[in-house]
Amino acid sequence: MDSNLSGTDLLVRMKGGDEQAFAAIYRQYHPSLYMFILRYCKVPSLAEDLVHDVFLKVWEIRHRIQPELPFTGYIYRIARNHVFKTLERAATDRSLREQILAQLSALPEGFHPEQVVKSKEYDRLFHEALNHMPPQRLNVFRLCRQEGRTYDEAAEILGISRNAVKKHMVLGMRFIHDYIFRYGGVSLSVAFFFKNYF
């Protein structure tokens, strides 16, 4: 392929299904994208897998690409969203959680979720998230998660149905995770999962 092709030309060709153009874009963006994801997840093997997923996604949706617009911001948004969705899936996918935690524990001097849970940054974001929750949802979270009450006990104390308590808990946990991810990154989000799902 002509090495003098501009980034726009490569995008136009890739959009048209040119695999060589896609390979050139892969080579161009892979190093920086890998470092970007690694900065969040701290796990080299997981970061590499996520980078591969991002480029696969780019190829699958190449027809949506607008070559005249900045591609860097576009692919980085895809990367961030994919990391977020991976952690979101970890909340309900036991095998994925185990895979992530196994990769974390394999690091020689790596990230340890139980240590992050004790960090000031985690504690600050966790309490900030609580302060942003609706009053009733916060009451449910405190009763069930912090005081160890059952859904039935919380429902009786608050005068609402058990299903309402369950819904508040699901939405509350999701909100806290989203908040910690948004302001603290992937490593703190993993710590949240470690603390609350094991």
N, C-alpha and C. Protein backbone atom coordinates (compact mmCIF):
# COMPACT_ATOMS: atom_id res chain seq x y z
N MET A 1 0.84 -1.19 0.00
CA MET A 1 0.00 0.00 0.00
C MET A 1 0.87 1.24 0.00
N ASP A 2 0.42 2.28 -0.67
CA ASP A 2 1.17 3.53 -0.77
C ASP A 2 1.34 4.14 0.61
N SER A 3 2.61 4.32 1.04
CA SER A 3 2.89 4.85 2.37
C SER A 3 2.60 6.35 2.47
N ASN A 4 2.34 6.98 1.33
CA ASN A 4 2.06 8.42 1.33
C ASN A 4 0.58 8.73 1.51
N LEU A 5 -0.23 7.70 1.63
CA LEU A 5 -1.65 7.93 1.81
C LEU A 5 -1.90 8.67 3.12
N SER A 6 -2.82 9.63 3.09
CA SER A 6 -3.15 10.37 4.31
C SER A 6 -4.09 9.53 5.17
N GLY A 7 -4.28 9.98 6.41
CA GLY A 7 -5.20 9.27 7.30
C GLY A 7 -6.60 9.22 6.74
N THR A 8 -7.01 10.32 6.11
CA THR A 8 -8.34 10.37 5.51
C THR A 8 -8.48 9.35 4.39
N ASP A 9 -7.44 9.24 3.56
CA ASP A 9 -7.46 8.27 2.46
C ASP A 9 -7.57 6.85 3.00
N LEU A 10 -6.83 6.56 4.07
CA LEU A 10 -6.89 5.23 4.67
C LEU A 10 -8.29 4.93 5.19
N LEU A 11 -8.90 5.91 5.82
CA LEU A 11 -10.25 5.72 6.35
C LEU A 11 -11.26 5.48 5.23
N VAL A 12 -11.11 6.23 4.16
CA VAL A 12 -12.01 6.04 3.00
C VAL A 12 -11.87 4.62 2.46
N ARG A 13 -10.63 4.16 2.34
CA ARG A 13 -10.38 2.82 1.80
C ARG A 13 -10.91 1.75 2.77
N MET A 14 -10.65 1.95 4.06
CA MET A 14 -11.14 0.97 5.02
C MET A 14 -12.67 0.93 5.01
N LYS A 15 -13.29 2.07 4.93
CA LYS A 15 -14.75 2.13 4.88
C LYS A 15 -15.28 1.34 3.69
N GLY A 16 -14.50 1.31 2.63
CA GLY A 16 -14.90 0.56 1.44
C GLY A 16 -14.55 -0.91 1.51
N GLY A 17 -13.96 -1.35 2.63
CA GLY A 17 -13.66 -2.77 2.80
C GLY A 17 -12.23 -3.17 2.49
N ASP A 18 -11.33 -2.19 2.36
CA ASP A 18 -9.93 -2.48 2.06
C ASP A 18 -9.22 -2.98 3.31
N GLU A 19 -8.86 -4.25 3.32
CA GLU A 19 -8.24 -4.85 4.51
C GLU A 19 -6.82 -4.34 4.74
N GLN A 20 -6.11 -3.97 3.67
CA GLN A 20 -4.77 -3.42 3.84
C GLN A 20 -4.82 -2.06 4.52
N ALA A 21 -5.83 -1.28 4.19
CA ALA A 21 -6.00 0.02 4.85
C ALA A 21 -6.32 -0.19 6.33
N PHE A 22 -7.15 -1.19 6.60
CA PHE A 22 -7.48 -1.49 7.99
C PHE A 22 -6.23 -1.91 8.77
N ALA A 23 -5.39 -2.73 8.14
CA ALA A 23 -4.15 -3.17 8.78
C ALA A 23 -3.22 -1.99 9.07
N ALA A 24 -3.18 -1.03 8.14
CA ALA A 24 -2.35 0.15 8.33
C ALA A 24 -2.85 0.99 9.51
N ILE A 25 -4.17 1.12 9.61
CA ILE A 25 -4.76 1.86 10.72
C ILE A 25 -4.52 1.13 12.03
N TYR A 26 -4.60 -0.19 11.99
CA TYR A 26 -4.33 -1.00 13.18
C TYR A 26 -2.91 -0.74 13.68
N ARG A 27 -1.95 -0.78 12.77
CA ARG A 27 -0.54 -0.56 13.15
C ARG A 27 -0.34 0.86 13.70
N GLN A 28 -1.06 1.80 13.14
CA GLN A 28 -0.89 3.19 13.54
C GLN A 28 -1.45 3.45 14.94
N TYR A 29 -2.59 2.87 15.25
CA TYR A 29 -3.28 3.20 16.49
C TYR A 29 -3.06 2.19 17.62
N HIS A 30 -2.61 0.99 17.29
CA HIS A 30 -2.51 -0.05 18.31
C HIS A 30 -1.66 0.36 19.52
N PRO A 31 -0.44 0.86 19.34
CA PRO A 31 0.40 1.16 20.52
C PRO A 31 -0.23 2.16 21.49
N SER A 32 -0.73 3.27 20.96
CA SER A 32 -1.30 4.29 21.85
C SER A 32 -2.62 3.83 22.46
N LEU A 33 -3.41 3.08 21.70
CA LEU A 33 -4.68 2.59 22.22
C LEU A 33 -4.45 1.56 23.33
N TYR A 34 -3.44 0.72 23.14
CA TYR A 34 -3.10 -0.27 24.16
C TYR A 34 -2.69 0.43 25.46
N MET A 35 -1.86 1.46 25.37
CA MET A 35 -1.42 2.18 26.56
C MET A 35 -2.60 2.91 27.22
N PHE A 36 -3.50 3.41 26.41
CA PHE A 36 -4.68 4.10 26.93
C PHE A 36 -5.53 3.14 27.76
N ILE A 37 -5.79 1.95 27.24
CA ILE A 37 -6.61 0.98 27.96
C ILE A 37 -5.87 0.42 29.16
N LEU A 38 -4.57 0.17 28.99
CA LEU A 38 -3.78 -0.37 30.10
C LEU A 38 -3.75 0.60 31.28
N ARG A 39 -3.77 1.88 31.00
CA ARG A 39 -3.76 2.88 32.06
C ARG A 39 -4.99 2.74 32.95
N TYR A 40 -6.08 2.25 32.38
CA TYR A 40 -7.30 2.06 33.14
C TYR A 40 -7.37 0.69 33.81
N CYS A 41 -7.10 -0.36 33.05
CA CYS A 41 -7.36 -1.71 33.58
C CYS A 41 -6.16 -2.35 34.27
N LYS A 42 -4.95 -1.85 34.01
CA LYS A 42 -3.74 -2.30 34.70
C LYS A 42 -3.33 -3.73 34.42
N VAL A 43 -4.04 -4.43 33.55
CA VAL A 43 -3.76 -5.84 33.28
C VAL A 43 -3.35 -5.99 31.81
N PRO A 44 -2.07 -6.24 31.51
CA PRO A 44 -1.60 -6.28 30.11
C PRO A 44 -2.39 -7.23 29.22
N SER A 45 -2.63 -8.45 29.68
CA SER A 45 -3.33 -9.42 28.83
C SER A 45 -4.76 -8.98 28.56
N LEU A 46 -5.42 -8.42 29.57
CA LEU A 46 -6.79 -7.94 29.39
C LEU A 46 -6.81 -6.74 28.46
N ALA A 47 -5.84 -5.84 28.63
CA ALA A 47 -5.76 -4.66 27.76
C ALA A 47 -5.59 -5.07 26.30
N GLU A 48 -4.75 -6.06 26.05
CA GLU A 48 -4.53 -6.53 24.68
C GLU A 48 -5.81 -7.12 24.10
N ASP A 49 -6.52 -7.89 24.89
CA ASP A 49 -7.80 -8.46 24.43
C ASP A 49 -8.79 -7.36 24.09
N LEU A 50 -8.85 -6.33 24.94
CA LEU A 50 -9.80 -5.24 24.72
C LEU A 50 -9.43 -4.43 23.48
N VAL A 51 -8.14 -4.23 23.26
CA VAL A 51 -7.70 -3.52 22.05
C VAL A 51 -8.14 -4.30 20.81
N HIS A 52 -7.93 -5.61 20.84
CA HIS A 52 -8.34 -6.45 19.70
C HIS A 52 -9.84 -6.31 19.47
N ASP A 53 -10.62 -6.33 20.54
CA ASP A 53 -12.07 -6.18 20.42
C ASP A 53 -12.45 -4.84 19.79
N VAL A 54 -11.72 -3.79 20.19
CA VAL A 54 -12.02 -2.46 19.67
C VAL A 54 -11.80 -2.40 18.16
N PHE A 55 -10.69 -2.96 17.70
CA PHE A 55 -10.43 -2.93 16.26
C PHE A 55 -11.41 -3.81 15.49
N LEU A 56 -11.82 -4.90 16.11
CA LEU A 56 -12.84 -5.75 15.48
C LEU A 56 -14.13 -4.97 15.33
N LYS A 57 -14.48 -4.22 16.37
CA LYS A 57 -15.69 -3.39 16.34
C LYS A 57 -15.57 -2.33 15.25
N VAL A 58 -14.41 -1.71 15.14
CA VAL A 58 -14.20 -0.68 14.11
C VAL A 58 -14.41 -1.27 12.72
N TRP A 59 -13.89 -2.47 12.50
CA TRP A 59 -14.06 -3.11 11.20
C TRP A 59 -15.54 -3.43 10.93
N GLU A 60 -16.23 -3.88 11.95
CA GLU A 60 -17.64 -4.26 11.79
C GLU A 60 -18.51 -3.05 11.48
N ILE A 61 -18.17 -1.89 12.03
CA ILE A 61 -19.02 -0.71 11.83
C ILE A 61 -18.33 0.33 10.92
N ARG A 62 -17.41 -0.14 10.09
CA ARG A 62 -16.63 0.78 9.26
C ARG A 62 -17.51 1.63 8.34
N HIS A 63 -18.69 1.12 7.98
CA HIS A 63 -19.57 1.87 7.08
C HIS A 63 -20.11 3.14 7.74
N ARG A 64 -20.02 3.21 9.10
CA ARG A 64 -20.50 4.40 9.80
C ARG A 64 -19.44 5.49 9.90
N ILE A 65 -18.21 5.14 9.61
CA ILE A 65 -17.10 6.09 9.78
C ILE A 65 -17.24 7.26 8.81
N GLN A 66 -17.00 8.46 9.33
CA GLN A 66 -17.00 9.66 8.50
C GLN A 66 -15.55 10.14 8.40
N PRO A 67 -14.88 9.81 7.30
CA PRO A 67 -13.44 10.08 7.16
C PRO A 67 -13.04 11.53 7.36
N GLU A 68 -13.98 12.45 7.12
CA GLU A 68 -13.64 13.87 7.25
C GLU A 68 -13.61 14.32 8.72
N LEU A 69 -14.11 13.48 9.64
CA LEU A 69 -14.11 13.81 11.06
C LEU A 69 -12.92 13.16 11.76
N PRO A 70 -12.49 13.73 12.90
CA PRO A 70 -11.33 13.16 13.63
C PRO A 70 -11.58 11.72 14.02
N PHE A 71 -10.68 10.84 13.60
CA PHE A 71 -10.84 9.41 13.88
C PHE A 71 -10.33 9.05 15.27
N THR A 72 -9.33 9.78 15.76
CA THR A 72 -8.73 9.44 17.05
C THR A 72 -9.77 9.49 18.17
N GLY A 73 -10.52 10.58 18.25
CA GLY A 73 -11.55 10.68 19.28
C GLY A 73 -12.59 9.59 19.14
N TYR A 74 -12.91 9.25 17.90
CA TYR A 74 -13.91 8.22 17.62
C TYR A 74 -13.48 6.86 18.16
N ILE A 75 -12.26 6.45 17.86
CA ILE A 75 -11.81 5.12 18.28
C ILE A 75 -11.57 5.07 19.79
N TYR A 76 -11.18 6.19 20.38
CA TYR A 76 -10.97 6.22 21.83
C TYR A 76 -12.31 6.15 22.58
N ARG A 77 -13.33 6.73 22.01
CA ARG A 77 -14.66 6.60 22.62
C ARG A 77 -15.13 5.16 22.58
N ILE A 78 -14.89 4.49 21.45
CA ILE A 78 -15.24 3.07 21.34
C ILE A 78 -14.49 2.27 22.39
N ALA A 79 -13.21 2.58 22.58
CA ALA A 79 -12.38 1.86 23.55
C ALA A 79 -12.91 2.05 24.96
N ARG A 80 -13.18 3.27 25.34
CA ARG A 80 -13.68 3.55 26.69
C ARG A 80 -15.02 2.87 26.93
N ASN A 81 -15.91 2.95 25.96
CA ASN A 81 -17.22 2.32 26.10
C ASN A 81 -17.09 0.81 26.22
N HIS A 82 -16.14 0.23 25.49
CA HIS A 82 -15.99 -1.22 25.54
C HIS A 82 -15.45 -1.67 26.89
N VAL A 83 -14.51 -0.92 27.44
CA VAL A 83 -14.00 -1.24 28.77
C VAL A 83 -15.13 -1.16 29.79
N PHE A 84 -15.94 -0.13 29.68
CA PHE A 84 -17.08 0.05 30.58
C PHE A 84 -18.04 -1.13 30.49
N LYS A 85 -18.38 -1.52 29.26
CA LYS A 85 -19.32 -2.62 29.09
C LYS A 85 -18.76 -3.94 29.58
N THR A 86 -17.45 -4.12 29.45
CA THR A 86 -16.82 -5.34 29.95
C THR A 86 -17.00 -5.45 31.45
N LEU A 87 -16.79 -4.36 32.16
CA LEU A 87 -16.96 -4.38 33.61
C LEU A 87 -18.43 -4.52 33.99
N GLU A 88 -19.29 -3.91 33.19
CA GLU A 88 -20.73 -4.03 33.46
C GLU A 88 -21.16 -5.49 33.34
N ARG A 89 -20.64 -6.17 32.33
CA ARG A 89 -20.95 -7.60 32.16
C ARG A 89 -20.41 -8.41 33.33
N ALA A 90 -19.30 -7.96 33.90
CA ALA A 90 -18.69 -8.70 35.00
C ALA A 90 -19.59 -8.75 36.22
N ALA A 91 -20.55 -7.82 36.29
CA ALA A 91 -21.47 -7.83 37.43
C ALA A 91 -22.38 -9.04 37.41
N THR A 92 -22.66 -9.57 36.23
CA THR A 92 -23.58 -10.70 36.13
C THR A 92 -22.96 -11.96 35.53
N ASP A 93 -21.77 -11.80 34.97
CA ASP A 93 -21.10 -12.94 34.32
C ASP A 93 -19.99 -13.46 35.23
N ARG A 94 -20.28 -14.54 35.92
CA ARG A 94 -19.32 -15.06 36.91
C ARG A 94 -17.99 -15.44 36.27
N SER A 95 -18.04 -16.09 35.12
CA SER A 95 -16.81 -16.54 34.48
C SER A 95 -15.94 -15.36 34.07
N LEU A 96 -16.58 -14.26 33.64
CA LEU A 96 -15.82 -13.07 33.26
C LEU A 96 -15.18 -12.44 34.50
N ARG A 97 -15.91 -12.37 35.60
CA ARG A 97 -15.34 -11.85 36.84
C ARG A 97 -14.14 -12.66 37.26
N GLU A 98 -14.28 -13.98 37.20
CA GLU A 98 -13.19 -14.85 37.61
C GLU A 98 -11.97 -14.67 36.71
N GLN A 99 -12.24 -14.49 35.41
CA GLN A 99 -11.14 -14.29 34.47
C GLN A 99 -10.40 -12.99 34.77
N ILE A 100 -11.15 -11.92 35.01
CA ILE A 100 -10.52 -10.63 35.31
C ILE A 100 -9.73 -10.70 36.60
N LEU A 101 -10.32 -11.29 37.63
CA LEU A 101 -9.63 -11.35 38.92
C LEU A 101 -8.42 -12.27 38.86
N ALA A 102 -8.50 -13.33 38.05
CA ALA A 102 -7.35 -14.22 37.89
C ALA A 102 -6.20 -13.47 37.23
N GLN A 103 -6.52 -12.65 36.24
CA GLN A 103 -5.49 -11.87 35.57
C GLN A 103 -4.89 -10.83 36.52
N LEU A 104 -5.74 -10.25 37.35
CA LEU A 104 -5.25 -9.27 38.31
C LEU A 104 -4.32 -9.92 39.33
N SER A 105 -4.72 -11.07 39.84
CA SER A 105 -3.93 -11.73 40.88
C SER A 105 -2.62 -12.28 40.33
N ALA A 106 -2.55 -12.46 39.00
CA ALA A 106 -1.34 -13.02 38.38
C ALA A 106 -0.23 -11.98 38.24
N LEU A 107 -0.57 -10.71 38.44
CA LEU A 107 0.45 -9.67 38.31
C LEU A 107 1.45 -9.76 39.46
N PRO A 108 2.76 -9.76 39.19
CA PRO A 108 3.76 -9.91 40.25
C PRO A 108 3.70 -8.81 41.31
N GLU A 109 3.57 -7.57 40.85
CA GLU A 109 3.42 -6.47 41.80
C GLU A 109 2.22 -5.65 41.37
N GLY A 110 1.19 -6.33 41.01
CA GLY A 110 0.07 -5.67 40.36
C GLY A 110 -0.97 -5.11 41.29
N PHE A 111 -2.07 -4.87 40.67
CA PHE A 111 -3.20 -4.27 41.33
C PHE A 111 -3.92 -5.31 42.18
N HIS A 112 -4.22 -4.95 43.43
CA HIS A 112 -4.95 -5.86 44.31
C HIS A 112 -6.23 -5.17 44.75
N PRO A 113 -7.37 -5.68 44.30
CA PRO A 113 -8.64 -5.00 44.58
C PRO A 113 -8.87 -4.71 46.05
N GLU A 114 -8.50 -5.64 46.93
CA GLU A 114 -8.76 -5.43 48.35
C GLU A 114 -7.97 -4.25 48.90
N GLN A 115 -6.82 -3.95 48.29
CA GLN A 115 -6.04 -2.79 48.72
C GLN A 115 -6.67 -1.49 48.22
N VAL A 116 -7.19 -1.55 46.99
CA VAL A 116 -7.81 -0.36 46.42
C VAL A 116 -9.06 0.02 47.20
N VAL A 117 -9.81 -1.00 47.67
CA VAL A 117 -11.02 -0.74 48.44
C VAL A 117 -10.69 0.10 49.67
N LYS A 118 -9.48 -0.05 50.20
CA LYS A 118 -9.07 0.68 51.40
C LYS A 118 -8.47 2.06 51.07
N SER A 119 -8.33 2.36 49.79
CA SER A 119 -7.68 3.61 49.41
C SER A 119 -8.59 4.81 49.66
N LYS A 120 -7.97 5.97 49.85
CA LYS A 120 -8.72 7.20 50.09
C LYS A 120 -9.55 7.58 48.86
N GLU A 121 -8.99 7.36 47.67
CA GLU A 121 -9.69 7.72 46.44
C GLU A 121 -10.96 6.91 46.27
N TYR A 122 -10.86 5.60 46.52
CA TYR A 122 -12.04 4.75 46.43
C TYR A 122 -13.09 5.20 47.44
N ASP A 123 -12.66 5.44 48.67
CA ASP A 123 -13.57 5.84 49.74
C ASP A 123 -14.26 7.16 49.40
N ARG A 124 -13.48 8.09 48.85
CA ARG A 124 -14.05 9.39 48.50
C ARG A 124 -15.12 9.26 47.42
N LEU A 125 -14.81 8.51 46.35
CA LEU A 125 -15.76 8.35 45.25
C LEU A 125 -16.99 7.57 45.68
N PHE A 126 -16.78 6.56 46.51
CA PHE A 126 -17.90 5.76 46.99
C PHE A 126 -18.90 6.64 47.75
N HIS A 127 -18.39 7.47 48.65
CA HIS A 127 -19.27 8.33 49.45
C HIS A 127 -19.87 9.46 48.63
N GLU A 128 -19.13 9.94 47.64
CA GLU A 128 -19.69 10.93 46.72
C GLU A 128 -20.87 10.34 45.97
N ALA A 129 -20.73 9.10 45.52
CA ALA A 129 -21.81 8.43 44.80
C ALA A 129 -23.03 8.30 45.70
N LEU A 130 -22.81 7.91 46.94
CA LEU A 130 -23.94 7.80 47.88
C LEU A 130 -24.66 9.13 48.04
N ASN A 131 -23.89 10.21 48.10
CA ASN A 131 -24.48 11.54 48.29
C ASN A 131 -25.30 11.99 47.08
N HIS A 132 -25.07 11.37 45.93
CA HIS A 132 -25.81 11.74 44.72
C HIS A 132 -27.03 10.84 44.47
N MET A 133 -27.24 9.86 45.33
CA MET A 133 -28.36 8.94 45.13
C MET A 133 -29.65 9.54 45.69
N PRO A 134 -30.80 9.22 45.10
CA PRO A 134 -32.08 9.66 45.65
C PRO A 134 -32.24 9.14 47.08
N PRO A 135 -32.91 9.89 47.95
CA PRO A 135 -33.03 9.52 49.37
C PRO A 135 -33.52 8.10 49.62
N GLN A 136 -34.59 7.71 48.94
CA GLN A 136 -35.15 6.37 49.18
C GLN A 136 -34.17 5.28 48.76
N ARG A 137 -33.50 5.49 47.64
CA ARG A 137 -32.52 4.51 47.16
C ARG A 137 -31.34 4.41 48.13
N LEU A 138 -30.95 5.55 48.67
CA LEU A 138 -29.88 5.56 49.65
C LEU A 138 -30.29 4.82 50.92
N ASN A 139 -31.54 5.02 51.36
CA ASN A 139 -32.04 4.31 52.53
C ASN A 139 -32.00 2.80 52.32
N VAL A 140 -32.42 2.36 51.13
CA VAL A 140 -32.42 0.93 50.82
C VAL A 140 -30.99 0.40 50.83
N PHE A 141 -30.08 1.13 50.19
CA PHE A 141 -28.69 0.68 50.12
C PHE A 141 -28.08 0.56 51.51
N ARG A 142 -28.32 1.55 52.35
CA ARG A 142 -27.74 1.51 53.69
C ARG A 142 -28.30 0.35 54.52
N LEU A 143 -29.60 0.12 54.40
CA LEU A 143 -30.21 -0.96 55.16
C LEU A 143 -29.71 -2.33 54.68
N CYS A 144 -29.70 -2.54 53.38
CA CYS A 144 -29.37 -3.86 52.84
C CYS A 144 -27.87 -4.12 52.75
N ARG A 145 -27.12 -3.13 52.30
CA ARG A 145 -25.71 -3.37 52.07
C ARG A 145 -24.84 -3.03 53.28
N GLN A 146 -25.17 -1.96 53.96
CA GLN A 146 -24.32 -1.53 55.06
C GLN A 146 -24.76 -2.08 56.42
N GLU A 147 -26.07 -2.32 56.58
CA GLU A 147 -26.56 -2.88 57.85
C GLU A 147 -26.86 -4.38 57.74
N GLY A 148 -26.83 -4.91 56.53
CA GLY A 148 -27.04 -6.34 56.35
C GLY A 148 -28.48 -6.80 56.47
N ARG A 149 -29.43 -5.90 56.31
CA ARG A 149 -30.85 -6.28 56.38
C ARG A 149 -31.25 -7.04 55.13
N THR A 150 -32.25 -7.90 55.29
CA THR A 150 -32.79 -8.61 54.12
C THR A 150 -33.72 -7.67 53.36
N TYR A 151 -34.06 -8.05 52.14
CA TYR A 151 -35.00 -7.24 51.36
C TYR A 151 -36.33 -7.12 52.09
N ASP A 152 -36.78 -8.21 52.70
CA ASP A 152 -38.06 -8.20 53.41
C ASP A 152 -38.01 -7.25 54.60
N GLU A 153 -36.91 -7.28 55.33
CA GLU A 153 -36.78 -6.40 56.50
C GLU A 153 -36.75 -4.94 56.07
N ALA A 154 -36.00 -4.65 55.01
CA ALA A 154 -35.92 -3.28 54.50
C ALA A 154 -37.28 -2.81 54.02
N ALA A 155 -38.01 -3.69 53.35
CA ALA A 155 -39.35 -3.34 52.85
C ALA A 155 -40.28 -2.98 54.00
N GLU A 156 -40.19 -3.74 55.09
CA GLU A 156 -41.06 -3.48 56.24
C GLU A 156 -40.68 -2.17 56.92
N ILE A 157 -39.40 -1.91 57.06
CA ILE A 157 -38.93 -0.68 57.71
C ILE A 157 -39.34 0.55 56.91
N LEU A 158 -39.22 0.46 55.58
CA LEU A 158 -39.47 1.62 54.73
C LEU A 158 -40.92 1.72 54.25
N GLY A 159 -41.68 0.66 54.48
CA GLY A 159 -43.07 0.68 54.06
C GLY A 159 -43.27 0.58 52.57
N ILE A 160 -42.38 -0.17 51.91
CA ILE A 160 -42.50 -0.38 50.47
C ILE A 160 -42.45 -1.88 50.18
N SER A 161 -42.69 -2.26 48.93
CA SER A 161 -42.70 -3.67 48.59
C SER A 161 -41.30 -4.25 48.48
N ARG A 162 -41.20 -5.57 48.58
CA ARG A 162 -39.91 -6.23 48.42
C ARG A 162 -39.34 -5.99 47.03
N ASN A 163 -40.23 -6.00 46.02
CA ASN A 163 -39.76 -5.75 44.65
C ASN A 163 -39.20 -4.34 44.49
N ALA A 164 -39.80 -3.39 45.20
CA ALA A 164 -39.29 -2.02 45.14
C ALA A 164 -37.90 -1.94 45.77
N VAL A 165 -37.70 -2.67 46.87
CA VAL A 165 -36.39 -2.71 47.52
C VAL A 165 -35.35 -3.30 46.57
N LYS A 166 -35.72 -4.41 45.92
CA LYS A 166 -34.80 -5.07 44.99
C LYS A 166 -34.44 -4.13 43.84
N LYS A 167 -35.43 -3.43 43.31
CA LYS A 167 -35.17 -2.51 42.20
C LYS A 167 -34.23 -1.39 42.64
N HIS A 168 -34.47 -0.84 43.83
CA HIS A 168 -33.60 0.21 44.34
C HIS A 168 -32.16 -0.29 44.50
N MET A 169 -32.01 -1.52 44.96
CA MET A 169 -30.67 -2.07 45.14
C MET A 169 -29.95 -2.23 43.81
N VAL A 170 -30.64 -2.77 42.82
CA VAL A 170 -30.04 -2.97 41.50
C VAL A 170 -29.62 -1.62 40.91
N LEU A 171 -30.53 -0.65 40.96
CA LEU A 171 -30.23 0.67 40.40
C LEU A 171 -29.15 1.38 41.21
N GLY A 172 -29.17 1.17 42.52
CA GLY A 172 -28.17 1.80 43.38
C GLY A 172 -26.78 1.27 43.11
N MET A 173 -26.65 -0.05 43.01
CA MET A 173 -25.35 -0.66 42.73
C MET A 173 -24.83 -0.22 41.37
N ARG A 174 -25.72 -0.16 40.40
CA ARG A 174 -25.33 0.26 39.06
C ARG A 174 -24.86 1.72 39.07
N PHE A 175 -25.59 2.55 39.81
CA PHE A 175 -25.22 3.97 39.87
C PHE A 175 -23.85 4.17 40.50
N ILE A 176 -23.59 3.45 41.61
CA ILE A 176 -22.30 3.59 42.28
C ILE A 176 -21.17 3.13 41.36
N HIS A 177 -21.40 1.98 40.69
CA HIS A 177 -20.38 1.50 39.76
C HIS A 177 -20.11 2.51 38.66
N ASP A 178 -21.18 3.05 38.07
CA ASP A 178 -21.03 4.02 36.98
C ASP A 178 -20.28 5.25 37.47
N TYR A 179 -20.59 5.70 38.67
CA TYR A 179 -19.95 6.90 39.21
C TYR A 179 -18.46 6.65 39.44
N ILE A 180 -18.14 5.52 40.05
CA ILE A 180 -16.73 5.20 40.32
C ILE A 180 -15.97 5.02 39.03
N PHE A 181 -16.60 4.38 38.04
CA PHE A 181 -15.93 4.20 36.75
C PHE A 181 -15.69 5.55 36.08
N ARG A 182 -16.71 6.42 36.12
CA ARG A 182 -16.60 7.71 35.42
C ARG A 182 -15.50 8.58 36.01
N TYR A 183 -15.37 8.56 37.33
CA TYR A 183 -14.43 9.48 37.97
C TYR A 183 -13.17 8.81 38.51
N GLY A 184 -13.16 7.49 38.54
CA GLY A 184 -12.00 6.81 39.10
C GLY A 184 -11.31 5.84 38.17
N GLY A 185 -11.98 5.49 37.06
CA GLY A 185 -11.37 4.56 36.12
C GLY A 185 -11.68 3.11 36.41
N VAL A 186 -11.10 2.26 35.57
CA VAL A 186 -11.42 0.83 35.59
C VAL A 186 -10.93 0.14 36.85
N SER A 187 -9.72 0.50 37.32
CA SER A 187 -9.17 -0.22 38.46
C SER A 187 -10.04 -0.07 39.69
N LEU A 188 -10.58 1.12 39.93
CA LEU A 188 -11.46 1.32 41.08
C LEU A 188 -12.79 0.62 40.87
N SER A 189 -13.24 0.55 39.61
CA SER A 189 -14.48 -0.16 39.33
C SER A 189 -14.34 -1.65 39.61
N VAL A 190 -13.20 -2.22 39.23
CA VAL A 190 -12.94 -3.63 39.53
C VAL A 190 -12.95 -3.84 41.04
N ALA A 191 -12.37 -2.91 41.76
CA ALA A 191 -12.36 -3.00 43.22
C ALA A 191 -13.77 -3.01 43.77
N PHE A 192 -14.65 -2.19 43.19
CA PHE A 192 -16.04 -2.15 43.63
C PHE A 192 -16.71 -3.51 43.42
N PHE A 193 -16.45 -4.12 42.24
CA PHE A 193 -17.02 -5.44 41.98
C PHE A 193 -16.47 -6.48 42.97
N PHE A 194 -15.17 -6.39 43.22
CA PHE A 194 -14.54 -7.33 44.12
C PHE A 194 -15.18 -7.26 45.51
N LYS A 195 -15.44 -6.05 45.97
CA LYS A 195 -15.98 -5.83 47.31
C LYS A 195 -17.44 -6.27 47.40
N ASN A 196 -18.20 -6.07 46.33
CA ASN A 196 -19.65 -6.23 46.42
C ASN A 196 -20.21 -7.50 45.79
N TYR A 197 -19.40 -8.26 45.05
CA TYR A 197 -19.94 -9.45 44.39
C TYR A 197 -19.23 -10.72 44.82
N PHE A 198 -18.37 -10.65 45.83
CA PHE A 198 -17.66 -11.84 46.28
C PHE A 198 -17.84 -12.02 47.78
